[in-house]
Amino acid sequence: MPAVAPAATARLRHHGILASFLGIVVAPTLAASLYLFAVADDQYTSTVGFSVRSEDMSSALDLLGGLGSLGLSGTGEASDSDILYQFIQSQELVQRIDATVDLRAIYSKPAFDPVFAFDPDRGIEDLVEYWQDMVRISYDSTTGLLELRVHAFDPKDAQTVAQLILDESTRMINDLSAIARADATRYAKEELDKSIERLRDQRVALTEFRSRTQIVDPKADIQGQMGLLNTLQQQLAATSIDINLLRQTTQPNDPRIAQNERRIAVIEELIQREREKFGMGGGADGKESDYSTLVGEYERLSVDLEFAEKAYVAALTNYDAAVAEAQRMSRYIAAYVRPTLAEESLYPQRGLLSLLTGGLALLVWSIGLLIYYSVRDRR
């Protein structure tokens, strides 16, 4: 007769494996499920979605020869969204909102929930870390769209926090726009201030020149003096002709000759004085106040004043164009989903978390069992 195999009996290691399965897999899964379904409080979610938009409006200065098209560089929508993405997770935003609605009170509402509730006695660093778990951000860098899911233990609290995040993000974008406008116009404003100061100094210098010399316009005064000099030279020429005719037709002692000689002497003296005024007569006094010096100083002041006026007009035009260009490049928050008010709790996802806990425990137990048999077979 064939031999009959003995009945299989459970060995000690089999009882150990069963016990480990119950302790590592079943017990944690039951404990997690019990906590999730019996202890953990409901969490409500408020969703808000927005993006940073920029409007490029036409400027009235564009009609004046394209003065508004200075091409001021600014921050685009994508980089603004990057800034907001980091700002929403920052300690600064958490502190601002906590100062408004007391986040510690909002997130410590459950009477007993040591896993999901926040301990109000913990510091700001812990609150920021907890905030990143309760505020989930979805960001599409290609479109610049930001979508937030804000969790809280009360639906109105979730909506309030979501609205505050939207308000603070709007304030941040407004601040960035103000800084960009200030940077775009600061250099133009500095140049305008310099041109105004230069124009003021040149006008003061010209006024001081006129007060000192008692001459409003040396050019006009010179024209009058040149007319007088030309008249004297004509009279000198006519008198010289007369005296030459008298010398040819009369006696040397004719009184008219002496009279014309005195007339010529007086005219020559007047001509010499006028030429000395122009710096043409080689005057011995060497005064710096002759007409040539005055004209040179006046022309220099006039050229400086004309340059200052043109520089002022150019700086003013540039400043107006910079201000117009900065104002037309406006950025704002466009909310395509306003903060919603939840009607039912979707979190914590009790069934999913229970399955994940059981799956993780089973994985750990399986790895441990494989290690055990591997070590046992090597003996």
Protein backbone atom coordinates (compact mmCIF):
# COMPACT_ATOMS: atom_id res chain seq x y z
CA MET A 1 0.00 0.00 0.00
CA PRO A 2 1.25 3.49 -0.78
CA ALA A 3 2.46 5.53 2.15
CA VAL A 4 -0.02 8.04 3.49
CA ALA A 5 1.36 11.58 4.05
CA PRO A 6 0.99 12.86 7.58
CA ALA A 7 -1.59 15.57 8.20
CA ALA A 8 -0.20 19.09 7.89
CA THR A 9 0.16 20.83 11.21
CA ALA A 10 0.56 24.50 11.83
CA ARG A 11 4.05 25.27 12.97
CA LEU A 12 5.13 28.04 15.25
CA ARG A 13 6.40 30.22 12.40
CA HIS A 14 2.99 30.05 10.74
CA HIS A 15 1.39 31.42 13.88
CA GLY A 16 4.05 34.15 13.92
CA ILE A 17 3.33 35.08 10.32
CA LEU A 18 -0.40 35.29 11.06
CA ALA A 19 0.25 37.35 14.16
CA SER A 20 2.55 39.71 12.23
CA PHE A 21 -0.11 40.10 9.54
CA LEU A 22 -2.70 40.97 12.14
CA GLY A 23 -0.35 43.37 13.93
CA ILE A 24 1.25 45.07 10.91
CA VAL A 25 -1.60 45.09 8.39
CA VAL A 26 -4.97 44.56 9.98
CA ALA A 27 -4.52 46.49 13.22
CA PRO A 28 -3.12 49.75 11.64
CA THR A 29 -5.75 49.63 8.91
CA LEU A 30 -8.57 49.20 11.43
CA ALA A 31 -7.11 51.92 13.67
CA ALA A 32 -6.76 54.35 10.76
CA SER A 33 -10.27 53.60 9.53
CA LEU A 34 -11.70 53.98 13.02
CA TYR A 35 -9.93 57.33 13.45
CA LEU A 36 -10.95 58.62 10.02
CA PHE A 37 -14.61 57.64 10.28
CA ALA A 38 -15.20 58.20 13.99
CA VAL A 39 -12.79 60.93 15.14
CA ALA A 40 -11.55 63.06 12.23
CA ASP A 41 -13.69 66.15 11.57
CA ASP A 42 -15.10 67.02 8.17
CA GLN A 43 -13.13 69.44 6.03
CA TYR A 44 -14.76 71.76 3.52
CA THR A 45 -13.10 73.16 0.41
CA SER A 46 -13.38 76.57 -1.23
CA THR A 47 -12.00 76.83 -4.76
CA VAL A 48 -10.69 80.03 -6.32
CA GLY A 49 -8.98 80.49 -9.69
CA PHE A 50 -7.32 83.57 -11.14
CA SER A 51 -4.55 84.83 -13.40
CA VAL A 52 -2.55 88.02 -13.90
CA ARG A 53 -3.68 90.02 -16.90
CA SER A 54 -2.15 93.06 -18.62
CA GLU A 55 -3.99 95.65 -20.70
CA ASP A 56 -2.05 97.68 -23.30
CA MET A 57 -4.24 100.72 -23.92
CA SER A 58 -3.53 103.33 -26.57
CA SER A 59 -2.06 106.64 -25.45
CA ALA A 60 -2.88 110.14 -26.65
CA LEU A 61 0.86 110.77 -27.04
CA ASP A 62 0.91 108.21 -29.85
CA LEU A 63 -0.76 110.87 -31.99
CA LEU A 64 2.21 113.19 -31.43
CA GLY A 65 4.72 111.34 -33.52
CA GLY A 66 4.87 108.13 -31.53
CA LEU A 67 6.31 109.67 -28.39
CA GLY A 68 4.60 107.09 -26.24
CA SER A 69 6.28 104.10 -27.82
CA LEU A 70 9.33 104.01 -25.61
CA GLY A 71 9.14 100.26 -25.12
CA LEU A 72 9.36 100.34 -21.37
CA SER A 73 10.25 96.91 -20.13
CA GLY A 74 7.91 95.31 -17.62
CA THR A 75 7.18 92.07 -15.95
CA GLY A 76 4.98 89.73 -17.96
CA GLU A 77 2.03 87.71 -16.80
CA ALA A 78 4.00 84.46 -16.45
CA SER A 79 6.61 85.88 -14.08
CA ASP A 80 3.89 87.67 -12.09
CA SER A 81 2.14 84.35 -11.65
CA ASP A 82 5.43 82.80 -10.54
CA ILE A 83 5.73 85.51 -7.90
CA LEU A 84 2.17 84.89 -6.70
CA TYR A 85 2.79 81.14 -6.58
CA GLN A 86 5.63 81.69 -4.14
CA PHE A 87 3.84 84.49 -2.28
CA ILE A 88 0.78 82.34 -1.50
CA GLN A 89 3.05 79.81 0.23
CA SER A 90 5.10 82.44 2.07
CA GLN A 91 5.20 83.28 5.76
CA GLU A 92 4.37 86.91 4.95
CA LEU A 93 0.97 86.00 3.50
CA VAL A 94 0.22 83.65 6.40
CA GLN A 95 1.01 86.42 8.88
CA ARG A 96 -1.17 88.93 7.04
CA ILE A 97 -4.18 86.61 6.95
CA ASP A 98 -3.59 85.42 10.52
CA ALA A 99 -3.65 89.05 11.68
CA THR A 100 -7.03 89.47 9.96
CA VAL A 101 -8.99 86.30 10.82
CA ASP A 102 -6.84 84.38 13.39
CA LEU A 103 -5.87 81.26 11.46
CA ARG A 104 -4.97 79.42 14.66
CA ALA A 105 -8.56 79.67 15.84
CA ILE A 106 -9.91 78.56 12.45
CA TYR A 107 -7.70 75.49 12.16
CA SER A 108 -7.98 74.39 15.81
CA LYS A 109 -11.80 74.19 15.83
CA PRO A 110 -12.10 70.37 16.17
CA ALA A 111 -12.47 69.45 19.84
CA PHE A 112 -10.24 66.41 19.39
CA ASP A 113 -8.40 65.77 16.14
CA PRO A 114 -4.66 65.52 16.82
CA VAL A 115 -3.88 64.52 13.22
CA PHE A 116 -5.72 67.08 11.10
CA ALA A 117 -6.29 69.95 13.56
CA PHE A 118 -3.65 72.58 14.37
CA ASP A 119 -2.27 73.14 17.84
CA PRO A 120 -2.82 76.88 18.56
CA ASP A 121 0.22 76.95 20.86
CA ARG A 122 2.65 76.21 18.02
CA GLY A 123 4.75 78.91 16.33
CA ILE A 124 4.48 80.69 13.00
CA GLU A 125 6.83 78.24 11.27
CA ASP A 126 4.55 75.36 12.16
CA LEU A 127 1.55 77.39 11.02
CA VAL A 128 3.20 78.00 7.63
CA GLU A 129 3.91 74.29 7.27
CA TYR A 130 0.29 73.47 8.20
CA TRP A 131 -0.91 76.18 5.78
CA GLN A 132 0.80 74.43 2.87
CA ASP A 133 -1.21 71.30 3.69
CA MET A 134 -4.53 73.16 3.91
CA VAL A 135 -4.03 75.40 0.84
CA ARG A 136 -3.35 73.36 -2.28
CA ILE A 137 -2.09 75.28 -5.32
CA SER A 138 -2.39 74.19 -8.93
CA TYR A 139 -0.31 76.32 -11.32
CA ASP A 140 -0.04 76.06 -15.11
CA SER A 141 3.14 77.90 -16.11
CA THR A 142 2.21 77.90 -19.82
CA THR A 143 -1.08 79.76 -19.33
CA GLY A 144 -0.29 81.54 -16.05
CA LEU A 145 -3.49 80.18 -14.43
CA LEU A 146 -3.55 79.66 -10.67
CA GLU A 147 -6.17 77.51 -8.95
CA LEU A 148 -6.40 77.14 -5.17
CA ARG A 149 -8.28 74.65 -3.02
CA VAL A 150 -8.56 76.05 0.49
CA HIS A 151 -9.55 73.59 3.24
CA ALA A 152 -11.10 74.40 6.61
CA PHE A 153 -13.36 72.76 9.17
CA ASP A 154 -16.17 75.21 8.38
CA PRO A 155 -17.34 76.10 4.83
CA LYS A 156 -17.54 79.83 5.59
CA ASP A 157 -14.03 79.81 7.05
CA ALA A 158 -12.72 78.17 3.88
CA GLN A 159 -14.43 80.78 1.72
CA THR A 160 -13.17 83.63 3.92
CA VAL A 161 -9.57 82.43 3.74
CA ALA A 162 -9.84 81.98 -0.04
CA GLN A 163 -11.20 85.52 -0.43
CA LEU A 164 -8.38 86.93 1.71
CA ILE A 165 -5.82 85.12 -0.44
CA LEU A 166 -7.39 86.69 -3.53
CA ASP A 167 -7.39 90.15 -1.89
CA GLU A 168 -3.76 89.90 -0.79
CA SER A 169 -2.73 88.66 -4.24
CA THR A 170 -4.47 91.66 -5.80
CA ARG A 171 -2.64 93.96 -3.41
CA MET A 172 0.67 92.32 -4.29
CA ILE A 173 0.10 92.82 -8.03
CA ASN A 174 -0.90 96.45 -7.43
CA ASP A 175 2.31 96.99 -5.47
CA LEU A 176 4.35 95.41 -8.25
CA SER A 177 2.64 97.65 -10.81
CA ALA A 178 3.31 100.75 -8.71
CA ILE A 179 6.98 99.81 -8.38
CA ALA A 180 7.25 99.20 -12.13
CA ARG A 181 5.65 102.58 -12.91
CA ALA A 182 7.95 104.34 -10.44
CA ASP A 183 11.03 102.67 -11.94
CA ALA A 184 9.92 103.51 -15.48
CA THR A 185 9.47 107.21 -14.72
CA ARG A 186 12.23 107.77 -12.15
CA TYR A 187 15.03 108.33 -14.68
CA ALA A 188 12.85 110.60 -16.84
CA LYS A 189 11.88 112.59 -13.73
CA GLU A 190 15.52 112.99 -12.71
CA GLU A 191 16.42 114.29 -16.18
CA LEU A 192 13.47 116.70 -16.09
CA ASP A 193 14.55 118.06 -12.69
CA LYS A 194 18.10 118.57 -13.96
CA SER A 195 16.87 120.39 -17.08
CA ILE A 196 14.62 122.66 -14.99
CA GLU A 197 17.52 123.54 -12.70
CA ARG A 198 19.80 124.22 -15.68
CA LEU A 199 17.19 126.42 -17.36
CA ARG A 200 16.66 128.36 -14.13
CA ASP A 201 20.40 128.96 -13.70
CA GLN A 202 20.82 130.19 -17.28
CA ARG A 203 17.91 132.61 -16.98
CA VAL A 204 19.31 133.97 -13.72
CA ALA A 205 22.73 134.42 -15.35
CA LEU A 206 21.24 136.34 -18.30
CA THR A 207 19.19 138.52 -15.96
CA GLU A 208 22.29 139.33 -13.90
CA PHE A 209 24.16 140.26 -17.10
CA ARG A 210 21.41 142.69 -18.15
CA SER A 211 21.24 144.23 -14.67
CA ARG A 212 25.02 144.69 -14.57
CA THR A 213 25.43 146.15 -18.07
CA GLN A 214 22.07 147.97 -18.29
CA ILE A 215 21.77 146.48 -21.77
CA VAL A 216 18.80 144.34 -22.68
CA ASP A 217 20.13 143.14 -26.04
CA PRO A 218 23.73 144.01 -26.98
CA LYS A 219 23.07 143.00 -30.58
CA ALA A 220 20.35 145.62 -30.97
CA ASP A 221 22.53 148.18 -29.17
CA ILE A 222 25.47 147.34 -31.45
CA GLN A 223 23.34 147.86 -34.53
CA GLY A 224 22.56 151.37 -33.28
CA GLN A 225 26.23 152.04 -32.53
CA MET A 226 27.26 150.71 -35.93
CA GLY A 227 24.75 153.05 -37.54
CA LEU A 228 26.26 155.98 -35.61
CA LEU A 229 29.79 154.93 -36.62
CA ASN A 230 28.77 154.66 -40.28
CA THR A 231 27.20 158.13 -40.09
CA LEU A 232 30.36 159.60 -38.57
CA GLN A 233 32.51 157.99 -41.24
CA GLN A 234 30.27 159.40 -43.95
CA GLN A 235 30.51 162.88 -42.37
CA LEU A 236 34.28 162.50 -42.12
CA ALA A 237 34.48 161.60 -45.79
CA ALA A 238 32.27 164.55 -46.80
CA THR A 239 34.26 167.00 -44.66
CA SER A 240 37.53 165.69 -46.11
CA ILE A 241 36.21 166.29 -49.62
CA ASP A 242 35.11 169.82 -48.66
CA ILE A 243 38.48 170.77 -47.17
CA ASN A 244 40.35 169.41 -50.18
CA LEU A 245 38.17 171.48 -52.51
CA LEU A 246 38.74 174.59 -50.38
CA ARG A 247 42.50 174.09 -50.44
CA GLN A 248 42.40 173.90 -54.20
CA THR A 249 40.19 176.93 -54.74
CA THR A 250 40.97 179.31 -51.85
CA GLN A 251 43.84 180.82 -49.95
CA PRO A 252 45.60 178.74 -47.26
CA ASN A 253 44.44 181.17 -44.57
CA ASP A 254 40.77 180.82 -45.47
CA PRO A 255 38.81 180.41 -42.15
CA ARG A 256 36.64 177.71 -43.69
CA ILE A 257 39.71 175.46 -43.96
CA ALA A 258 40.41 175.84 -40.23
CA GLN A 259 36.75 175.22 -39.44
CA ASN A 260 36.71 172.00 -41.50
CA GLU A 261 39.95 170.87 -39.88
CA ARG A 262 38.38 171.28 -36.42
CA ARG A 263 35.30 169.42 -37.68
CA ILE A 264 37.49 166.56 -38.96
CA ALA A 265 39.30 166.39 -35.61
CA VAL A 266 36.04 166.18 -33.69
CA ILE A 267 34.64 163.50 -36.01
CA GLU A 268 37.84 161.44 -35.82
CA GLU A 269 37.74 161.66 -32.01
CA LEU A 270 34.14 160.44 -31.99
CA ILE A 271 35.00 157.61 -34.36
CA GLN A 272 37.92 156.61 -32.15
CA ARG A 273 35.68 156.50 -29.08
CA GLU A 274 33.10 154.37 -30.85
CA ARG A 275 35.76 151.98 -32.09
CA GLU A 276 37.16 151.69 -28.58
CA LYS A 277 33.70 150.63 -27.43
CA PHE A 278 33.82 147.78 -29.94
CA GLY A 279 37.38 146.91 -28.97
CA MET A 280 38.62 147.86 -32.41
CA GLY A 281 40.50 151.01 -31.61
CA GLY A 282 43.34 149.62 -29.53
CA GLY A 283 42.36 151.64 -26.48
CA ALA A 284 45.03 152.04 -23.86
CA ASP A 285 42.76 151.49 -20.88
CA GLY A 286 42.35 147.76 -21.66
CA LYS A 287 38.85 147.60 -20.10
CA GLU A 288 37.03 144.31 -20.26
CA SER A 289 33.70 146.09 -20.60
CA ASP A 290 34.10 147.02 -24.26
CA TYR A 291 31.43 145.91 -26.69
CA SER A 292 33.37 142.97 -28.05
CA THR A 293 33.63 141.49 -24.55
CA LEU A 294 29.97 142.23 -23.80
CA VAL A 295 28.82 140.72 -27.07
CA GLY A 296 30.92 137.59 -26.49
CA GLU A 297 29.51 137.15 -22.98
CA TYR A 298 25.96 137.80 -24.15
CA GLU A 299 26.24 135.31 -27.01
CA ARG A 300 27.61 132.66 -24.66
CA LEU A 301 24.74 133.23 -22.24
CA SER A 302 22.23 133.19 -25.09
CA VAL A 303 23.57 129.92 -26.49
CA ASP A 304 23.52 128.32 -23.01
CA LEU A 305 19.95 129.53 -22.48
CA GLU A 306 18.82 128.22 -25.84
CA PHE A 307 20.41 124.84 -25.16
CA ALA A 308 18.80 124.71 -21.69
CA GLU A 309 15.39 125.50 -23.19
CA LYS A 310 15.70 122.76 -25.80
CA ALA A 311 16.94 120.29 -23.19
CA TYR A 312 13.98 121.17 -20.97
CA VAL A 313 11.48 120.65 -23.80
CA ALA A 314 13.06 117.30 -24.66
CA ALA A 315 13.12 116.18 -21.01
CA LEU A 316 9.51 117.25 -20.47
CA THR A 317 8.39 115.39 -23.58
CA ASN A 318 10.31 112.28 -22.52
CA TYR A 319 8.81 112.44 -19.02
CA ASP A 320 5.23 112.83 -20.30
CA ALA A 321 5.77 109.90 -22.64
CA ALA A 322 7.23 107.76 -19.83
CA VAL A 323 4.29 108.54 -17.53
CA ALA A 324 1.76 107.79 -20.27
CA GLU A 325 3.52 104.53 -21.17
CA ALA A 326 3.70 103.46 -17.52
CA GLN A 327 0.02 104.19 -16.95
CA ARG A 328 -1.13 102.32 -20.02
CA MET A 329 0.71 99.15 -18.96
CA SER A 330 -1.72 98.16 -16.18
CA ARG A 331 -1.77 94.70 -14.59
CA TYR A 332 -4.57 93.23 -12.55
CA ILE A 333 -5.92 89.99 -11.09
CA ALA A 334 -8.62 88.36 -13.23
CA ALA A 335 -10.55 85.81 -11.17
CA TYR A 336 -12.16 83.23 -13.43
CA VAL A 337 -13.48 81.35 -10.35
CA ARG A 338 -14.63 83.39 -7.36
CA PRO A 339 -14.20 81.79 -3.89
CA THR A 340 -16.85 79.08 -3.66
CA LEU A 341 -18.93 78.07 -0.63
CA ALA A 342 -18.94 74.31 -0.06
CA GLU A 343 -22.22 72.51 0.69
CA GLU A 344 -20.78 69.13 1.69
CA SER A 345 -17.53 67.78 3.03
CA LEU A 346 -15.13 66.13 0.60
CA TYR A 347 -12.15 65.82 2.94
CA PRO A 348 -10.55 63.98 4.50
CA GLN A 349 -10.99 61.26 1.89
CA ARG A 350 -11.67 58.55 4.44
CA GLY A 351 -12.06 55.57 2.10
CA LEU A 352 -8.97 56.46 0.07
CA LEU A 353 -6.82 57.08 3.15
CA SER A 354 -7.96 53.79 4.69
CA LEU A 355 -7.04 51.91 1.51
CA LEU A 356 -3.68 53.67 1.33
CA THR A 357 -2.95 52.84 4.94
CA GLY A 358 -3.86 49.18 4.39
CA GLY A 359 -1.86 49.01 1.14
CA LEU A 360 1.22 50.56 2.75
CA ALA A 361 0.96 48.24 5.74
CA LEU A 362 0.57 45.22 3.46
CA LEU A 363 3.60 46.30 1.44
CA VAL A 364 5.72 46.65 4.58
CA TRP A 365 4.53 43.27 5.88
CA SER A 366 5.22 41.58 2.52
CA ILE A 367 8.76 42.98 2.34
CA GLY A 368 9.41 41.88 5.89
CA LEU A 369 8.09 38.38 5.12
CA LEU A 370 10.30 38.08 2.03
CA ILE A 371 13.34 39.14 4.04
CA TYR A 372 12.48 36.57 6.72
CA TYR A 373 12.24 33.66 4.26
CA SER A 374 15.34 34.78 2.40
CA VAL A 375 17.38 34.75 5.61
CA ARG A 376 15.81 31.40 6.65
CA ASP A 377 16.67 29.71 3.34
CA ARG A 378 20.34 30.76 3.62
CA ARG A 379 20.80 28.93 6.88
